[in-house]
């Protein structure tokens, strides 16, 4: 399988919530790794519901201190699912 990553990934285990417009619901999970171009997320047993090609929103909560600096309690990114298996879903961020 050929790698299609364009940015260096960094391991990061951070709580996230994922909004799926297709399913009209949130999925809770955590990040596995992240780069400027995307993120790999673990959403437990719900992974099978989220399919390749689906656009989702990822809510990365901030600590109180970071929220004070950045002016908000979360960072929301939109992305497209580019890979999905029983362990995680890989998301490519959509430029905003």
PDB file of N, CA and C in Angstrom:
ATOM      1  N   UNK A   1       0.842  -1.170   0.000  1.00  0.00           N
ATOM      2  CA  UNK A   1       0.000   0.000   0.000  1.00  0.00           C
ATOM      3  C   UNK A   1       0.894   1.243   0.000  1.00  0.00           C
ATOM      4  N   UNK A   2       0.603   2.188  -0.827  1.00  0.00           N
ATOM      5  CA  UNK A   2       1.377   3.404  -0.973  1.00  0.00           C
ATOM      6  C   UNK A   2       0.921   4.462   0.038  1.00  0.00           C
ATOM      7  N   UNK A   3       1.897   5.110   0.708  1.00  0.00           N
ATOM      8  CA  UNK A   3       1.588   6.192   1.639  1.00  0.00           C
ATOM      9  C   UNK A   3       1.195   7.437   0.874  1.00  0.00           C
ATOM     10  N   UNK A   4       0.169   8.139   1.335  1.00  0.00           N
ATOM     11  CA  UNK A   4      -0.275   9.358   0.687  1.00  0.00           C
ATOM     12  C   UNK A   4      -0.212  10.546   1.636  1.00  0.00           C
ATOM     13  N   UNK A   5       0.542  10.415   2.708  1.00  0.00           N
ATOM     14  CA  UNK A   5       0.679  11.509   3.666  1.00  0.00           C
ATOM     15  C   UNK A   5       1.640  12.547   3.115  1.00  0.00           C
ATOM     16  N   UNK A   6       1.300  13.806   3.324  1.00  0.00           N
ATOM     17  CA  UNK A   6       2.134  14.905   2.868  1.00  0.00           C
ATOM     18  C   UNK A   6       2.738  15.691   4.019  1.00  0.00           C
ATOM     19  N   UNK A   7       2.304  15.415   5.226  1.00  0.00           N
ATOM     20  CA  UNK A   7       2.777  16.139   6.407  1.00  0.00           C
ATOM     21  C   UNK A   7       3.247  15.133   7.448  1.00  0.00           C
ATOM     22  N   UNK A   8       4.243  15.523   8.237  1.00  0.00           N
ATOM     23  CA  UNK A   8       4.748  14.669   9.304  1.00  0.00           C
ATOM     24  C   UNK A   8       3.681  14.500  10.385  1.00  0.00           C
ATOM     25  N   UNK A   9       3.456  13.275  10.792  1.00  0.00           N
ATOM     26  CA  UNK A   9       2.488  12.982  11.850  1.00  0.00           C
ATOM     27  C   UNK A   9       3.163  12.984  13.213  1.00  0.00           C
ATOM     28  N   UNK A  10       2.430  13.467  14.198  1.00  0.00           N
ATOM     29  CA  UNK A  10       2.877  13.455  15.585  1.00  0.00           C
ATOM     30  C   UNK A  10       1.875  12.656  16.403  1.00  0.00           C
ATOM     31  N   UNK A  11       2.378  11.761  17.254  1.00  0.00           N
ATOM     32  CA  UNK A  11       1.484  11.024  18.147  1.00  0.00           C
ATOM     33  C   UNK A  11       0.802  12.011  19.084  1.00  0.00           C
ATOM     34  N   UNK A  12      -0.494  11.863  19.227  1.00  0.00           N
ATOM     35  CA  UNK A  12      -1.254  12.731  20.129  1.00  0.00           C
ATOM     36  C   UNK A  12      -2.523  12.003  20.542  1.00  0.00           C
ATOM     37  N   UNK A  13      -2.636  11.750  21.827  1.00  0.00           N
ATOM     38  CA  UNK A  13      -3.841  11.139  22.366  1.00  0.00           C
ATOM     39  C   UNK A  13      -4.633  12.242  23.068  1.00  0.00           C
ATOM     40  N   UNK A  14      -5.680  12.727  22.414  1.00  0.00           N
ATOM     41  CA  UNK A  14      -6.463  13.848  22.916  1.00  0.00           C
ATOM     42  C   UNK A  14      -7.938  13.520  22.724  1.00  0.00           C
ATOM     43  N   UNK A  15      -8.789  13.815  23.697  1.00  0.00           N
ATOM     44  CA  UNK A  15     -10.216  13.530  23.523  1.00  0.00           C
ATOM     45  C   UNK A  15     -10.798  14.378  22.387  1.00  0.00           C
ATOM     46  N   UNK A  16     -11.683  13.771  21.618  1.00  0.00           N
ATOM     47  CA  UNK A  16     -12.362  14.477  20.531  1.00  0.00           C
ATOM     48  C   UNK A  16     -13.817  14.028  20.482  1.00  0.00           C
ATOM     49  N   UNK A  17     -14.640  14.860  19.872  1.00  0.00           N
ATOM     50  CA  UNK A  17     -15.977  14.418  19.498  1.00  0.00           C
ATOM     51  C   UNK A  17     -16.100  14.665  18.003  1.00  0.00           C
ATOM     52  N   UNK A  18     -16.751  13.742  17.332  1.00  0.00           N
ATOM     53  CA  UNK A  18     -16.896  13.779  15.877  1.00  0.00           C
ATOM     54  C   UNK A  18     -18.372  13.931  15.552  1.00  0.00           C
ATOM     55  N   UNK A  19     -18.708  14.930  14.740  1.00  0.00           N
ATOM     56  CA  UNK A  19     -20.083  15.120  14.285  1.00  0.00           C
ATOM     57  C   UNK A  19     -20.203  14.520  12.891  1.00  0.00           C
ATOM     58  N   UNK A  20     -21.131  13.602  12.738  1.00  0.00           N
ATOM     59  CA  UNK A  20     -21.417  12.993  11.439  1.00  0.00           C
ATOM     60  C   UNK A  20     -22.758  13.507  10.935  1.00  0.00           C
ATOM     61  N   UNK A  21     -22.739  14.408   9.938  1.00  0.00           N
ATOM     62  CA  UNK A  21     -24.010  14.880   9.383  1.00  0.00           C
ATOM     63  C   UNK A  21     -24.842  13.737   8.807  1.00  0.00           C
ATOM     64  N   UNK A  22     -24.178  12.749   8.241  1.00  0.00           N
ATOM     65  CA  UNK A  22     -24.884  11.604   7.655  1.00  0.00           C
ATOM     66  C   UNK A  22     -25.724  10.865   8.701  1.00  0.00           C
ATOM     67  N   UNK A  23     -25.161  10.695   9.884  1.00  0.00           N
ATOM     68  CA  UNK A  23     -25.857   9.973  10.953  1.00  0.00           C
ATOM     69  C   UNK A  23     -26.586  10.897  11.930  1.00  0.00           C
ATOM     70  N   UNK A  24     -26.352  12.217  11.788  1.00  0.00           N
ATOM     71  CA  UNK A  24     -26.971  13.206  12.675  1.00  0.00           C
ATOM     72  C   UNK A  24     -26.688  12.889  14.149  1.00  0.00           C
ATOM     73  N   UNK A  25     -25.412  12.611  14.435  1.00  0.00           N
ATOM     74  CA  UNK A  25     -25.034  12.316  15.813  1.00  0.00           C
ATOM     75  C   UNK A  25     -23.551  12.544  16.029  1.00  0.00           C
ATOM     76  N   UNK A  26     -23.186  12.623  17.310  1.00  0.00           N
ATOM     77  CA  UNK A  26     -21.791  12.737  17.718  1.00  0.00           C
ATOM     78  C   UNK A  26     -21.246  11.363  18.068  1.00  0.00           C
ATOM     79  N   UNK A  27     -19.962  11.179  17.821  1.00  0.00           N
ATOM     80  CA  UNK A  27     -19.212  10.009  18.257  1.00  0.00           C
ATOM     81  C   UNK A  27     -18.069  10.534  19.115  1.00  0.00           C
ATOM     82  N   UNK A  28     -17.843   9.955  20.277  1.00  0.00           N
ATOM     83  CA  UNK A  28     -16.724  10.355  21.123  1.00  0.00           C
ATOM     84  C   UNK A  28     -15.559   9.417  20.904  1.00  0.00           C
ATOM     85  N   UNK A  29     -14.370   9.965  20.991  1.00  0.00           N
ATOM     86  CA  UNK A  29     -13.176   9.164  20.815  1.00  0.00           C
ATOM     87  C   UNK A  29     -11.944   9.928  21.223  1.00  0.00           C
ATOM     88  N   UNK A  30     -10.815   9.569  20.603  1.00  0.00           N
ATOM     89  CA  UNK A  30      -9.563  10.270  20.867  1.00  0.00           C
ATOM     90  C   UNK A  30      -8.702  10.248  19.618  1.00  0.00           C
ATOM     91  N   UNK A  31      -7.825  11.233  19.547  1.00  0.00           N
ATOM     92  CA  UNK A  31      -6.886  11.257  18.437  1.00  0.00           C
ATOM     93  C   UNK A  31      -5.797  10.219  18.694  1.00  0.00           C
ATOM     94  N   UNK A  32      -5.249   9.692  17.611  1.00  0.00           N
ATOM     95  CA  UNK A  32      -4.133   8.750  17.669  1.00  0.00           C
ATOM     96  C   UNK A  32      -2.862   9.485  17.249  1.00  0.00           C
ATOM     97  N   UNK A  33      -2.966  10.188  16.117  1.00  0.00           N
ATOM     98  CA  UNK A  33      -1.886  11.055  15.660  1.00  0.00           C
ATOM     99  C   UNK A  33      -2.485  12.173  14.824  1.00  0.00           C
ATOM    100  N   UNK A  34      -1.670  13.218  14.585  1.00  0.00           N
ATOM    101  CA  UNK A  34      -2.175  14.399  13.896  1.00  0.00           C
ATOM    102  C   UNK A  34      -1.058  15.051  13.100  1.00  0.00           C
ATOM    103  N   UNK A  35      -1.423  15.735  12.045  1.00  0.00           N
ATOM    104  CA  UNK A  35      -0.485  16.535  11.254  1.00  0.00           C
ATOM    105  C   UNK A  35      -1.223  17.786  10.804  1.00  0.00           C
ATOM    106  N   UNK A  36      -0.552  18.631  10.059  1.00  0.00           N
ATOM    107  CA  UNK A  36      -1.229  19.820   9.551  1.00  0.00           C
ATOM    108  C   UNK A  36      -2.275  19.454   8.504  1.00  0.00           C
ATOM    109  N   UNK A  37      -2.151  18.278   7.905  1.00  0.00           N
ATOM    110  CA  UNK A  37      -3.076  17.886   6.844  1.00  0.00           C
ATOM    111  C   UNK A  37      -4.188  16.952   7.246  1.00  0.00           C
ATOM    112  N   UNK A  38      -4.085  16.344   8.444  1.00  0.00           N
ATOM    113  CA  UNK A  38      -5.118  15.398   8.834  1.00  0.00           C
ATOM    114  C   UNK A  38      -4.892  14.813  10.208  1.00  0.00           C
ATOM    115  N   UNK A  39      -5.749  13.856  10.524  1.00  0.00           N
ATOM    116  CA  UNK A  39      -5.710  13.252  11.848  1.00  0.00           C
ATOM    117  C   UNK A  39      -6.210  11.810  11.754  1.00  0.00           C
ATOM    118  N   UNK A  40      -5.698  10.971  12.633  1.00  0.00           N
ATOM    119  CA  UNK A  40      -6.198   9.604  12.774  1.00  0.00           C
ATOM    120  C   UNK A  40      -6.929   9.549  14.106  1.00  0.00           C
ATOM    121  N   UNK A  41      -8.172   9.063  14.080  1.00  0.00           N
ATOM    122  CA  UNK A  41      -9.015   9.043  15.272  1.00  0.00           C
ATOM    123  C   UNK A  41      -9.449   7.632  15.619  1.00  0.00           C
ATOM    124  N   UNK A  42      -9.526   7.365  16.900  1.00  0.00           N
ATOM    125  CA  UNK A  42     -10.097   6.125  17.400  1.00  0.00           C
ATOM    126  C   UNK A  42     -11.464   6.463  17.982  1.00  0.00           C
ATOM    127  N   UNK A  43     -12.517   5.859  17.429  1.00  0.00           N
ATOM    128  CA  UNK A  43     -13.870   6.118  17.936  1.00  0.00           C
ATOM    129  C   UNK A  43     -14.531   4.824  18.409  1.00  0.00           C
ATOM    130  N   UNK A  44     -13.709   3.879  18.833  1.00  0.00           N
ATOM    131  CA  UNK A  44     -14.203   2.643  19.418  1.00  0.00           C
ATOM    132  C   UNK A  44     -15.071   1.839  18.475  1.00  0.00           C
ATOM    133  N   UNK A  45     -16.120   1.262  19.016  1.00  0.00           N
ATOM    134  CA  UNK A  45     -16.977   0.357  18.251  1.00  0.00           C
ATOM    135  C   UNK A  45     -17.797   1.064  17.175  1.00  0.00           C
ATOM    136  N   UNK A  46     -17.792   2.391  17.158  1.00  0.00           N
ATOM    137  CA  UNK A  46     -18.565   3.136  16.158  1.00  0.00           C
ATOM    138  C   UNK A  46     -17.824   3.302  14.833  1.00  0.00           C
ATOM    139  N   UNK A  47     -16.557   2.860  14.779  1.00  0.00           N
ATOM    140  CA  UNK A  47     -15.755   3.027  13.569  1.00  0.00           C
ATOM    141  C   UNK A  47     -16.469   2.479  12.341  1.00  0.00           C
ATOM    142  N   UNK A  48     -17.148   1.353  12.465  1.00  0.00           N
ATOM    143  CA  UNK A  48     -17.779   0.725  11.313  1.00  0.00           C
ATOM    144  C   UNK A  48     -18.877   1.583  10.681  1.00  0.00           C
ATOM    145  N   UNK A  49     -19.439   2.538  11.422  1.00  0.00           N
ATOM    146  CA  UNK A  49     -20.503   3.395  10.879  1.00  0.00           C
ATOM    147  C   UNK A  49     -19.980   4.511   9.981  1.00  0.00           C
ATOM    148  N   UNK A  50     -18.739   4.932  10.204  1.00  0.00           N
ATOM    149  CA  UNK A  50     -18.177   6.071   9.477  1.00  0.00           C
ATOM    150  C   UNK A  50     -17.414   5.550   8.272  1.00  0.00           C
ATOM    151  N   UNK A  51     -17.839   5.947   7.087  1.00  0.00           N
ATOM    152  CA  UNK A  51     -17.326   5.379   5.837  1.00  0.00           C
ATOM    153  C   UNK A  51     -16.391   6.337   5.099  1.00  0.00           C
ATOM    154  N   UNK A  52     -15.511   5.755   4.286  1.00  0.00           N
ATOM    155  CA  UNK A  52     -14.619   6.520   3.416  1.00  0.00           C
ATOM    156  C   UNK A  52     -15.458   7.428   2.515  1.00  0.00           C
ATOM    157  N   UNK A  53     -15.019   8.675   2.385  1.00  0.00           N
ATOM    158  CA  UNK A  53     -15.716   9.659   1.565  1.00  0.00           C
ATOM    159  C   UNK A  53     -16.670  10.546   2.344  1.00  0.00           C
ATOM    160  N   UNK A  54     -16.994  10.159   3.564  1.00  0.00           N
ATOM    161  CA  UNK A  54     -17.915  10.952   4.395  1.00  0.00           C
ATOM    162  C   UNK A  54     -17.209  12.187   4.941  1.00  0.00           C
ATOM    163  N   UNK A  55     -17.861  13.332   4.874  1.00  0.00           N
ATOM    164  CA  UNK A  55     -17.348  14.553   5.492  1.00  0.00           C
ATOM    165  C   UNK A  55     -17.846  14.610   6.932  1.00  0.00           C
ATOM    166  N   UNK A  56     -16.941  14.963   7.843  1.00  0.00           N
ATOM    167  CA  UNK A  56     -17.276  15.036   9.260  1.00  0.00           C
ATOM    168  C   UNK A  56     -16.670  16.295   9.864  1.00  0.00           C
ATOM    169  N   UNK A  57     -17.105  16.642  11.066  1.00  0.00           N
ATOM    170  CA  UNK A  57     -16.527  17.730  11.834  1.00  0.00           C
ATOM    171  C   UNK A  57     -15.903  17.142  13.092  1.00  0.00           C
ATOM    172  N   UNK A  58     -14.703  17.603  13.412  1.00  0.00           N
ATOM    173  CA  UNK A  58     -13.994  17.123  14.587  1.00  0.00           C
ATOM    174  C   UNK A  58     -13.853  18.272  15.574  1.00  0.00           C
ATOM    175  N   UNK A  59     -14.269  18.034  16.805  1.00  0.00           N
ATOM    176  CA  UNK A  59     -14.188  19.028  17.865  1.00  0.00           C
ATOM    177  C   UNK A  59     -13.033  18.638  18.780  1.00  0.00           C
ATOM    178  N   UNK A  60     -11.990  19.469  18.768  1.00  0.00           N
ATOM    179  CA  UNK A  60     -10.842  19.279  19.651  1.00  0.00           C
ATOM    180  C   UNK A  60     -11.004  20.224  20.840  1.00  0.00           C
ATOM    181  N   UNK A  61     -11.351  19.717  22.017  1.00  0.00           N
ATOM    182  CA  UNK A  61     -11.526  20.599  23.174  1.00  0.00           C
ATOM    183  C   UNK A  61     -10.185  21.187  23.621  1.00  0.00           C
ATOM    184  N   UNK A  62     -10.238  22.383  24.172  1.00  0.00           N
ATOM    185  CA  UNK A  62      -9.045  23.053  24.682  1.00  0.00           C
ATOM    186  C   UNK A  62      -9.088  23.099  26.199  1.00  0.00           C
ATOM    187  N   UNK A  63      -7.913  23.148  26.783  1.00  0.00           N
ATOM    188  CA  UNK A  63      -7.824  23.355  28.223  1.00  0.00           C
ATOM    189  C   UNK A  63      -8.298  24.775  28.532  1.00  0.00           C
ATOM    190  N   UNK A  64      -8.624  25.031  29.765  1.00  0.00           N
ATOM    191  CA  UNK A  64      -9.088  26.369  30.159  1.00  0.00           C
ATOM    192  C   UNK A  64      -8.037  27.427  29.829  1.00  0.00           C
ATOM    193  N   UNK A  65      -6.780  27.122  30.075  1.00  0.00           N
ATOM    194  CA  UNK A  65      -5.697  28.082  29.798  1.00  0.00           C
ATOM    195  C   UNK A  65      -5.597  28.357  28.296  1.00  0.00           C
ATOM    196  N   UNK A  66      -5.628  27.320  27.478  1.00  0.00           N
ATOM    197  CA  UNK A  66      -5.541  27.504  26.033  1.00  0.00           C
ATOM    198  C   UNK A  66      -6.782  28.222  25.502  1.00  0.00           C
ATOM    199  N   UNK A  67      -7.924  27.936  26.070  1.00  0.00           N
ATOM    200  CA  UNK A  67      -9.155  28.623  25.660  1.00  0.00           C
ATOM    201  C   UNK A  67      -9.045  30.120  25.949  1.00  0.00           C
ATOM    202  N   UNK A  68      -8.433  30.451  27.071  1.00  0.00           N
ATOM    203  CA  UNK A  68      -8.236  31.859  27.416  1.00  0.00           C
ATOM    204  C   UNK A  68      -7.336  32.550  26.386  1.00  0.00           C
ATOM    205  N   UNK A  69      -6.294  31.874  25.969  1.00  0.00           N
ATOM    206  CA  UNK A  69      -5.356  32.435  24.986  1.00  0.00           C
ATOM    207  C   UNK A  69      -5.990  32.517  23.599  1.00  0.00           C
ATOM    208  N   UNK A  70      -6.669  31.440  23.190  1.00  0.00           N
ATOM    209  CA  UNK A  70      -7.209  31.342  21.832  1.00  0.00           C
ATOM    210  C   UNK A  70      -8.615  31.921  21.673  1.00  0.00           C
ATOM    211  N   UNK A  71      -9.304  32.136  22.792  1.00  0.00           N
ATOM    212  CA  UNK A  71     -10.626  32.743  22.711  1.00  0.00           C
ATOM    213  C   UNK A  71     -11.759  31.774  22.423  1.00  0.00           C
ATOM    214  N   UNK A  72     -11.609  30.535  22.770  1.00  0.00           N
ATOM    215  CA  UNK A  72     -12.685  29.566  22.591  1.00  0.00           C
ATOM    216  C   UNK A  72     -12.325  28.250  23.236  1.00  0.00           C
ATOM    217  N   UNK A  73     -13.340  27.494  23.611  1.00  0.00           N
ATOM    218  CA  UNK A  73     -13.095  26.238  24.324  1.00  0.00           C
ATOM    219  C   UNK A  73     -12.908  25.034  23.417  1.00  0.00           C
ATOM    220  N   UNK A  74     -12.929  25.253  22.105  1.00  0.00           N
ATOM    221  CA  UNK A  74     -12.653  24.138  21.214  1.00  0.00           C
ATOM    222  C   UNK A  74     -12.170  24.646  19.867  1.00  0.00           C
ATOM    223  N   UNK A  75     -11.542  23.750  19.148  1.00  0.00           N
ATOM    224  CA  UNK A  75     -11.116  24.003  17.774  1.00  0.00           C
ATOM    225  C   UNK A  75     -11.867  22.999  16.930  1.00  0.00           C
ATOM    226  N   UNK A  76     -12.635  23.478  15.970  1.00  0.00           N
ATOM    227  CA  UNK A  76     -13.417  22.585  15.119  1.00  0.00           C
ATOM    228  C   UNK A  76     -12.792  22.558  13.730  1.00  0.00           C
ATOM    229  N   UNK A  77     -12.534  21.347  13.245  1.00  0.00           N
ATOM    230  CA  UNK A  77     -11.972  21.150  11.916  1.00  0.00           C
ATOM    231  C   UNK A  77     -12.925  20.266  11.120  1.00  0.00           C
ATOM    232  N   UNK A  78     -13.020  20.543   9.839  1.00  0.00           N
ATOM    233  CA  UNK A  78     -13.827  19.728   8.942  1.00  0.00           C
ATOM    234  C   UNK A  78     -12.885  18.876   8.100  1.00  0.00           C
ATOM    235  N   UNK A  79     -13.288  17.650   7.843  1.00  0.00           N
ATOM    236  CA  UNK A  79     -12.443  16.768   7.047  1.00  0.00           C
ATOM    237  C   UNK A  79     -13.233  15.688   6.351  1.00  0.00           C
ATOM    238  N   UNK A  80     -12.535  14.979   5.490  1.00  0.00           N
ATOM    239  CA  UNK A  80     -13.107  13.861   4.741  1.00  0.00           C
ATOM    240  C   UNK A  80     -12.425  12.578   5.182  1.00  0.00           C
ATOM    241  N   UNK A  81     -13.205  11.537   5.419  1.00  0.00           N
ATOM    242  CA  UNK A  81     -12.655  10.240   5.798  1.00  0.00           C
ATOM    243  C   UNK A  81     -11.956   9.641   4.572  1.00  0.00           C
ATOM    244  N   UNK A  82     -10.662   9.339   4.724  1.00  0.00           N
ATOM    245  CA  UNK A  82      -9.898   8.761   3.621  1.00  0.00           C
ATOM    246  C   UNK A  82      -9.547   7.298   3.869  1.00  0.00           C
ATOM    247  N   UNK A  83      -9.671   6.838   5.115  1.00  0.00           N
ATOM    248  CA  UNK A  83      -9.431   5.430   5.436  1.00  0.00           C
ATOM    249  C   UNK A  83     -10.216   5.101   6.688  1.00  0.00           C
ATOM    250  N   UNK A  84     -10.750   3.900   6.722  1.00  0.00           N
ATOM    251  CA  UNK A  84     -11.500   3.459   7.898  1.00  0.00           C
ATOM    252  C   UNK A  84     -11.263   1.971   8.094  1.00  0.00           C
ATOM    253  N   UNK A  85     -10.912   1.588   9.308  1.00  0.00           N
ATOM    254  CA  UNK A  85     -10.807   0.167   9.646  1.00  0.00           C
ATOM    255  C   UNK A  85     -11.280  -0.013  11.079  1.00  0.00           C
ATOM    256  N   UNK A  86     -11.152  -1.204  11.611  1.00  0.00           N
ATOM    257  CA  UNK A  86     -11.697  -1.462  12.944  1.00  0.00           C
ATOM    258  C   UNK A  86     -10.950  -0.734  14.052  1.00  0.00           C
ATOM    259  N   UNK A  87      -9.754  -0.219  13.762  1.00  0.00           N
ATOM    260  CA  UNK A  87      -8.964   0.470  14.776  1.00  0.00           C
ATOM    261  C   UNK A  87      -9.149   1.986  14.767  1.00  0.00           C
ATOM    262  N   UNK A  88      -9.267   2.573  13.573  1.00  0.00           N
ATOM    263  CA  UNK A  88      -9.324   4.031  13.517  1.00  0.00           C
ATOM    264  C   UNK A  88      -9.869   4.519  12.176  1.00  0.00           C
ATOM    265  N   UNK A  89     -10.140   5.810  12.144  1.00  0.00           N
ATOM    266  CA  UNK A  89     -10.513   6.459  10.890  1.00  0.00           C
ATOM    267  C   UNK A  89      -9.473   7.542  10.614  1.00  0.00           C
ATOM    268  N   UNK A  90      -9.040   7.633   9.369  1.00  0.00           N
ATOM    269  CA  UNK A  90      -8.079   8.654   8.962  1.00  0.00           C
ATOM    270  C   UNK A  90      -8.841   9.763   8.244  1.00  0.00           C
ATOM    271  N   UNK A  91      -8.592  10.997   8.658  1.00  0.00           N
ATOM    272  CA  UNK A  91      -9.298  12.164   8.148  1.00  0.00           C
ATOM    273  C   UNK A  91      -8.314  13.099   7.462  1.00  0.00           C
ATOM    274  N   UNK A  92      -8.646  13.545   6.269  1.00  0.00           N
ATOM    275  CA  UNK A  92      -7.889  14.603   5.612  1.00  0.00           C
ATOM    276  C   UNK A  92      -8.662  15.892   5.848  1.00  0.00           C
ATOM    277  N   UNK A  93      -7.983  16.882   6.454  1.00  0.00           N
ATOM    278  CA  UNK A  93      -8.652  18.151   6.719  1.00  0.00           C
ATOM    279  C   UNK A  93      -9.038  18.839   5.418  1.00  0.00           C
ATOM    280  N   UNK A  94     -10.198  19.472   5.434  1.00  0.00           N
ATOM    281  CA  UNK A  94     -10.658  20.288   4.319  1.00  0.00           C
ATOM    282  C   UNK A  94     -10.182  21.702   4.604  1.00  0.00           C
ATOM    283  N   UNK A  95      -9.529  22.297   3.643  1.00  0.00           N
ATOM    284  CA  UNK A  95      -9.034  23.673   3.810  1.00  0.00           C
ATOM    285  C   UNK A  95     -10.179  24.610   4.107  1.00  0.00           C
ATOM    286  N   UNK A  96      -9.962  25.505   5.064  1.00  0.00           N
ATOM    287  CA  UNK A  96     -11.005  26.486   5.391  1.00  0.00           C
ATOM    288  C   UNK A  96     -10.456  27.875   5.386  1.00  0.00           C
TER     289      UNK A  96
END
